[in-house]
Amino acid sequence: MENEEIKYLSSVLDMRTMALMERESDLADRLEEIASQQEELTAAIEEVVDKNKMLLKTLTSLEERNQELDQILYRISHDLRSPITSINGVLNVLEYEPRTDTQQICIDHIRDKSSQMDELLKSLSILAKTNSNDVHYADTPIEQLVRDCISDLRFVPNFSAVVIRSESVGNKMIFTDRLLISILIKVLLANALNFRAPSTDGFVLIKTKVEDSFFEIEIIDDGEGISDLIKDQIFNMFYRGSERSTGNGLGLYIARKISEQLKGIIHFTSTNGITTFKLVAPNGNKLK
């Protein structure tokens, strides 16, 4: 009887020993598989690190190129204004000299083209500013800012034919870059004044809303509107979507660049003769 029990226990021990050996073998296989996967992972990580180094080097190179282009753009926009100023000075002198009708037509043509070039150079100078990361946050009274922008555009055609109103809701102070916001408002306001029938009276409403964490600026007008055919293109550089446009096609592109620089969003709607541009941006008070 004891021999049978010993045989039974020996058989059970042998079975468990074999099972344990199989598990050890399976574990060894898994460890080998894990080691192989670890080697592959290590190689993949090294490849990613190498690619990140290459991308960082490329990014650094692109940033340097962008800085160079910004400097070139800035210098061009400023240096070319000097001869334009000289041309305008000569034209002013010629205004006091006797001249024929043909000469007057030529003078008017030169002055018109000189003015267009001056506006282009101003826009390029602004574009150089918006391409940089040079943002200066400061407390800015929004209502006074809007009044100043309206006053700066008082000599724009159609200004006297349009009723311009402003409404303000919420806080009176925003913490942002005053220059960039002024440029954006004047770009949108100038568009609202320019793109309308000269003989038709109209309105422009500038609405501002300021909360603790964000602010909104809306410019609403009843001008000629924006066709569905060009809605996807109006923020493109140098795009002019109307025969009435006499600008250089940089205004709305600059407005979009400013909104991005301030980490905001600009969008528009144009339906039933009413066009609304709206900027929503973080109130920089949260950045203090």
Protein backbone atom coordinates (compact mmCIF):
# COMPACT_ATOMS: atom_id res chain seq x y z
CA MET A 1 0.00 0.00 0.00
CA GLU A 2 2.79 2.38 0.88
CA ASN A 3 4.59 1.56 -2.38
CA GLU A 4 1.48 2.49 -4.38
CA GLU A 5 1.19 5.84 -2.55
CA ILE A 6 4.88 6.52 -3.18
CA LYS A 7 4.43 5.72 -6.87
CA TYR A 8 1.38 7.98 -7.04
CA LEU A 9 3.15 10.88 -5.32
CA SER A 10 6.18 10.33 -7.54
CA SER A 11 3.94 10.43 -10.61
CA VAL A 12 2.26 13.64 -9.44
CA LEU A 13 5.68 15.19 -8.71
CA ASP A 14 6.92 14.23 -12.16
CA MET A 15 3.85 15.79 -13.78
CA ARG A 16 4.25 19.02 -11.80
CA THR A 17 7.95 19.08 -12.57
CA MET A 18 7.21 18.74 -16.28
CA ALA A 19 4.57 21.48 -16.09
CA LEU A 20 7.02 23.72 -14.26
CA MET A 21 9.68 23.05 -16.87
CA GLU A 22 7.20 23.88 -19.65
CA ARG A 23 6.34 27.12 -17.89
CA GLU A 24 10.01 27.95 -17.49
CA SER A 25 10.53 27.25 -21.17
CA ASP A 26 7.53 29.40 -22.10
CA LEU A 27 8.79 32.17 -19.80
CA ALA A 28 12.22 31.99 -21.39
CA ASP A 29 10.62 32.31 -24.84
CA ARG A 30 8.62 35.30 -23.68
CA LEU A 31 11.68 36.90 -22.12
CA GLU A 32 13.53 36.41 -25.38
CA GLU A 33 10.60 37.94 -27.29
CA ILE A 34 10.50 40.90 -24.88
CA ALA A 35 14.25 41.39 -25.27
CA SER A 36 13.84 41.39 -29.04
CA GLN A 37 10.97 43.88 -28.83
CA GLN A 38 13.03 46.02 -26.47
CA GLU A 39 15.86 46.11 -28.98
CA GLU A 40 13.41 47.12 -31.71
CA LEU A 41 11.90 49.77 -29.42
CA THR A 42 15.35 51.09 -28.55
CA ALA A 43 16.21 51.31 -32.23
CA ALA A 44 12.91 53.07 -32.95
CA ILE A 45 13.50 55.55 -30.11
CA GLU A 46 16.99 56.29 -31.40
CA GLU A 47 15.55 56.84 -34.87
CA VAL A 48 12.90 59.20 -33.46
CA VAL A 49 15.55 61.08 -31.48
CA ASP A 50 17.67 61.46 -34.61
CA LYS A 51 14.67 62.69 -36.60
CA ASN A 52 13.74 65.14 -33.82
CA LYS A 53 17.28 66.49 -33.92
CA MET A 54 16.99 66.94 -37.68
CA LEU A 55 13.57 68.60 -37.32
CA LEU A 56 14.90 70.90 -34.59
CA LYS A 57 17.83 71.85 -36.78
CA THR A 58 15.49 72.50 -39.70
CA LEU A 59 13.13 74.52 -37.50
CA THR A 60 16.02 76.60 -36.18
CA SER A 61 17.16 77.23 -39.74
CA LEU A 62 13.63 78.24 -40.79
CA GLU A 63 13.31 80.59 -37.82
CA GLU A 64 16.59 82.23 -38.79
CA ARG A 65 15.40 82.56 -42.39
CA ASN A 66 12.10 84.03 -41.21
CA GLN A 67 13.93 86.56 -39.08
CA GLU A 68 16.08 87.48 -42.07
CA LEU A 69 13.00 87.84 -44.28
CA ASP A 70 11.27 89.97 -41.63
CA GLN A 71 14.31 92.25 -41.47
CA ILE A 72 14.44 92.50 -45.25
CA LEU A 73 10.70 93.23 -45.37
CA TYR A 74 11.07 95.88 -42.68
CA ARG A 75 14.02 97.55 -44.41
CA ILE A 76 12.33 97.50 -47.81
CA SER A 77 9.10 98.97 -46.46
CA HIS A 78 10.99 101.80 -44.75
CA ASP A 79 13.81 102.52 -47.21
CA LEU A 80 11.50 102.67 -50.23
CA ARG A 81 9.29 105.25 -48.53
CA SER A 82 12.09 107.79 -48.73
CA PRO A 83 11.98 108.11 -52.56
CA ILE A 84 8.19 108.09 -52.44
CA THR A 85 8.31 111.03 -50.03
CA SER A 86 10.70 112.82 -52.42
CA ILE A 87 8.38 112.20 -55.36
CA ASN A 88 5.44 113.63 -53.43
CA GLY A 89 7.56 116.66 -52.51
CA VAL A 90 8.36 117.32 -56.18
CA LEU A 91 4.69 116.91 -57.08
CA ASN A 92 3.74 119.47 -54.44
CA VAL A 93 6.21 121.94 -55.95
CA LEU A 94 4.83 121.34 -59.46
CA GLU A 95 1.35 122.22 -58.23
CA TYR A 96 2.50 125.87 -58.06
CA GLU A 97 4.00 125.87 -61.56
CA PRO A 98 2.18 126.61 -64.82
CA ARG A 99 1.26 123.41 -66.59
CA THR A 100 -0.80 122.16 -69.48
CA ASP A 101 -3.81 119.89 -69.15
CA THR A 102 -1.69 116.95 -70.30
CA GLN A 103 0.94 117.72 -67.68
CA GLN A 104 -1.76 117.93 -65.00
CA ILE A 105 -3.10 114.53 -66.03
CA CYS A 106 0.43 113.09 -65.76
CA ILE A 107 0.96 114.71 -62.37
CA ASP A 108 -2.35 113.33 -61.07
CA HIS A 109 -1.44 109.88 -62.39
CA ILE A 110 1.99 109.97 -60.70
CA ARG A 111 0.44 111.15 -57.44
CA ASP A 112 -2.15 108.37 -57.56
CA LYS A 113 0.47 105.67 -58.19
CA SER A 114 2.75 107.19 -55.55
CA SER A 115 -0.10 107.06 -53.06
CA GLN A 116 -0.77 103.40 -53.91
CA MET A 117 2.91 102.56 -53.46
CA ASP A 118 2.99 104.39 -50.12
CA GLU A 119 -0.02 102.41 -48.90
CA LEU A 120 1.62 99.16 -50.02
CA LEU A 121 4.82 100.05 -48.15
CA LYS A 122 2.80 100.89 -45.04
CA SER A 123 1.07 97.51 -45.29
CA LEU A 124 4.40 95.72 -45.71
CA SER A 125 5.72 97.51 -42.64
CA ILE A 126 2.66 96.39 -40.68
CA LEU A 127 3.07 92.86 -42.05
CA ALA A 128 6.66 92.80 -40.77
CA LYS A 129 5.30 93.73 -37.34
CA THR A 130 2.64 91.00 -37.40
CA ASN A 131 5.14 88.36 -38.58
CA SER A 132 7.30 88.92 -35.52
CA ASN A 133 6.52 87.70 -32.03
CA ASP A 134 7.02 91.19 -30.67
CA VAL A 135 3.74 91.57 -28.76
CA HIS A 136 3.54 94.26 -26.09
CA TYR A 137 0.68 93.69 -23.64
CA ALA A 138 -0.66 96.69 -21.78
CA ASP A 139 -3.90 97.89 -20.23
CA THR A 140 -5.95 99.44 -23.03
CA PRO A 141 -9.25 101.35 -22.69
CA ILE A 142 -11.35 99.71 -25.39
CA GLU A 143 -13.87 102.52 -25.90
CA GLN A 144 -11.15 105.15 -26.36
CA LEU A 145 -9.29 102.82 -28.70
CA VAL A 146 -12.38 102.48 -30.92
CA ARG A 147 -12.89 106.28 -30.97
CA ASP A 148 -9.26 106.82 -31.97
CA CYS A 149 -9.56 104.28 -34.80
CA ILE A 150 -12.68 106.01 -36.13
CA SER A 151 -10.96 109.40 -35.98
CA ASP A 152 -7.91 108.10 -37.86
CA LEU A 153 -10.13 107.08 -40.79
CA ARG A 154 -12.09 110.32 -41.07
CA PHE A 155 -10.46 111.14 -44.45
CA VAL A 156 -11.33 107.79 -46.03
CA PRO A 157 -13.83 108.05 -48.91
CA ASN A 158 -17.45 107.39 -47.86
CA PHE A 159 -16.67 108.32 -44.23
CA SER A 160 -19.17 111.21 -44.21
CA ALA A 161 -21.83 109.10 -45.94
CA VAL A 162 -21.80 106.40 -43.26
CA VAL A 163 -23.19 106.57 -39.75
CA ILE A 164 -20.62 104.94 -37.47
CA ARG A 165 -21.79 103.86 -34.03
CA SER A 166 -20.10 101.93 -31.24
CA GLU A 167 -21.45 99.87 -28.38
CA SER A 168 -19.53 98.46 -25.43
CA VAL A 169 -20.53 95.72 -22.99
CA GLY A 170 -18.65 94.50 -19.94
CA ASN A 171 -15.31 95.73 -18.69
CA LYS A 172 -13.84 98.92 -20.08
CA MET A 173 -10.22 97.78 -20.07
CA ILE A 174 -8.47 95.02 -21.99
CA PHE A 175 -4.90 93.79 -21.58
CA THR A 176 -3.51 93.37 -25.08
CA ASP A 177 -1.24 94.90 -27.73
CA ARG A 178 -2.80 98.30 -28.45
CA LEU A 179 -1.03 98.77 -31.79
CA LEU A 180 -2.05 95.37 -33.18
CA ILE A 181 -5.68 95.76 -32.10
CA SER A 182 -5.78 99.27 -33.58
CA ILE A 183 -4.47 97.99 -36.90
CA LEU A 184 -7.03 95.19 -36.95
CA ILE A 185 -9.97 97.51 -36.17
CA LYS A 186 -8.88 100.05 -38.80
CA VAL A 187 -8.45 97.35 -41.45
CA LEU A 188 -11.98 96.04 -40.87
CA LEU A 189 -13.46 99.53 -40.56
CA ALA A 190 -11.74 100.71 -43.77
CA ASN A 191 -13.18 97.70 -45.61
CA ALA A 192 -16.65 98.52 -44.32
CA LEU A 193 -16.28 102.09 -45.60
CA ASN A 194 -14.72 101.25 -48.97
CA PHE A 195 -16.85 98.35 -50.12
CA ARG A 196 -20.19 100.07 -50.63
CA ALA A 197 -21.93 102.13 -53.29
CA PRO A 198 -20.55 105.72 -53.03
CA SER A 199 -23.98 107.28 -53.48
CA THR A 200 -25.69 105.16 -50.82
CA ASP A 201 -25.82 106.14 -47.16
CA GLY A 202 -25.19 103.34 -44.72
CA PHE A 203 -24.08 102.35 -41.27
CA VAL A 204 -21.20 100.68 -39.48
CA LEU A 205 -21.63 99.34 -35.96
CA ILE A 206 -18.60 98.52 -33.83
CA LYS A 207 -19.49 96.30 -30.86
CA THR A 208 -17.10 95.34 -28.09
CA LYS A 209 -17.58 92.90 -25.26
CA VAL A 210 -14.98 92.41 -22.54
CA GLU A 211 -15.00 89.60 -19.99
CA ASP A 212 -12.32 88.61 -17.49
CA SER A 213 -10.88 85.87 -19.71
CA PHE A 214 -11.65 87.09 -23.24
CA PHE A 215 -12.85 90.00 -25.35
CA GLU A 216 -14.82 90.32 -28.58
CA ILE A 217 -14.79 92.96 -31.30
CA GLU A 218 -17.49 92.98 -33.97
CA ILE A 219 -17.69 95.29 -36.98
CA ILE A 220 -21.05 95.17 -38.74
CA ASP A 221 -21.90 97.01 -41.97
CA ASP A 222 -24.54 97.15 -44.70
CA GLY A 223 -22.14 97.46 -47.64
CA GLU A 224 -21.95 95.35 -50.76
CA GLY A 225 -21.41 92.12 -48.81
CA ILE A 226 -19.16 89.16 -49.58
CA SER A 227 -20.13 86.66 -52.25
CA ASP A 228 -20.23 82.98 -51.39
CA LEU A 229 -17.85 82.43 -54.32
CA ILE A 230 -14.99 84.24 -52.60
CA LYS A 231 -15.65 83.58 -48.91
CA ASP A 232 -12.86 81.01 -48.71
CA GLN A 233 -10.31 83.39 -50.22
CA ILE A 234 -10.73 86.79 -48.63
CA PHE A 235 -8.08 86.20 -45.94
CA ASN A 236 -5.47 85.19 -48.55
CA MET A 237 -2.43 87.39 -49.13
CA PHE A 238 -2.86 89.92 -51.99
CA TYR A 239 -6.42 88.75 -52.68
CA ARG A 240 -8.80 91.43 -53.93
CA GLY A 241 -12.29 90.12 -54.35
CA SER A 242 -14.07 93.17 -55.77
CA GLU A 243 -13.74 95.56 -58.70
CA ARG A 244 -14.28 98.31 -56.15
CA SER A 245 -11.08 97.39 -54.36
CA THR A 246 -8.27 99.91 -54.73
CA GLY A 247 -6.11 98.41 -51.99
CA ASN A 248 -3.21 96.00 -52.15
CA GLY A 249 -5.01 92.88 -50.94
CA LEU A 250 -3.13 92.72 -47.64
CA GLY A 251 -5.70 94.14 -45.21
CA LEU A 252 -7.66 91.03 -44.25
CA TYR A 253 -4.53 88.89 -44.43
CA ILE A 254 -2.94 91.20 -41.86
CA ALA A 255 -6.10 91.07 -39.73
CA ARG A 256 -5.91 87.26 -39.66
CA LYS A 257 -2.20 87.33 -38.81
CA ILE A 258 -2.90 89.72 -35.92
CA SER A 259 -5.68 87.47 -34.58
CA GLU A 260 -3.28 84.51 -34.66
CA GLN A 261 -0.55 86.52 -32.97
CA LEU A 262 -2.94 87.39 -30.15
CA LYS A 263 -4.04 83.72 -30.00
CA GLY A 264 -7.54 84.69 -31.08
CA ILE A 265 -9.96 83.74 -33.85
CA ILE A 266 -11.44 85.98 -36.53
CA HIS A 267 -14.39 84.96 -38.68
CA PHE A 268 -17.20 86.61 -40.63
CA THR A 269 -20.75 86.21 -41.89
CA SER A 270 -22.35 87.98 -44.83
CA THR A 271 -26.08 87.44 -45.36
CA ASN A 272 -29.04 89.58 -46.39
CA GLY A 273 -26.85 92.60 -47.06
CA ILE A 274 -25.25 92.59 -43.59
CA THR A 275 -21.59 91.68 -43.14
CA THR A 276 -20.12 90.99 -39.71
CA PHE A 277 -16.48 90.44 -38.85
CA LYS A 278 -15.83 89.18 -35.33
CA LEU A 279 -12.62 88.77 -33.37
CA VAL A 280 -12.55 86.68 -30.20
CA ALA A 281 -9.26 86.77 -28.28
CA PRO A 282 -7.99 85.99 -24.78
CA ASN A 283 -7.97 88.91 -22.40
CA GLY A 284 -4.29 89.19 -21.54
CA ASN A 285 -5.13 89.91 -17.87
CA LYS A 286 -4.93 86.14 -17.45
CA LEU A 287 -1.32 86.29 -18.63
CA LYS A 288 -0.17 88.43 -15.70
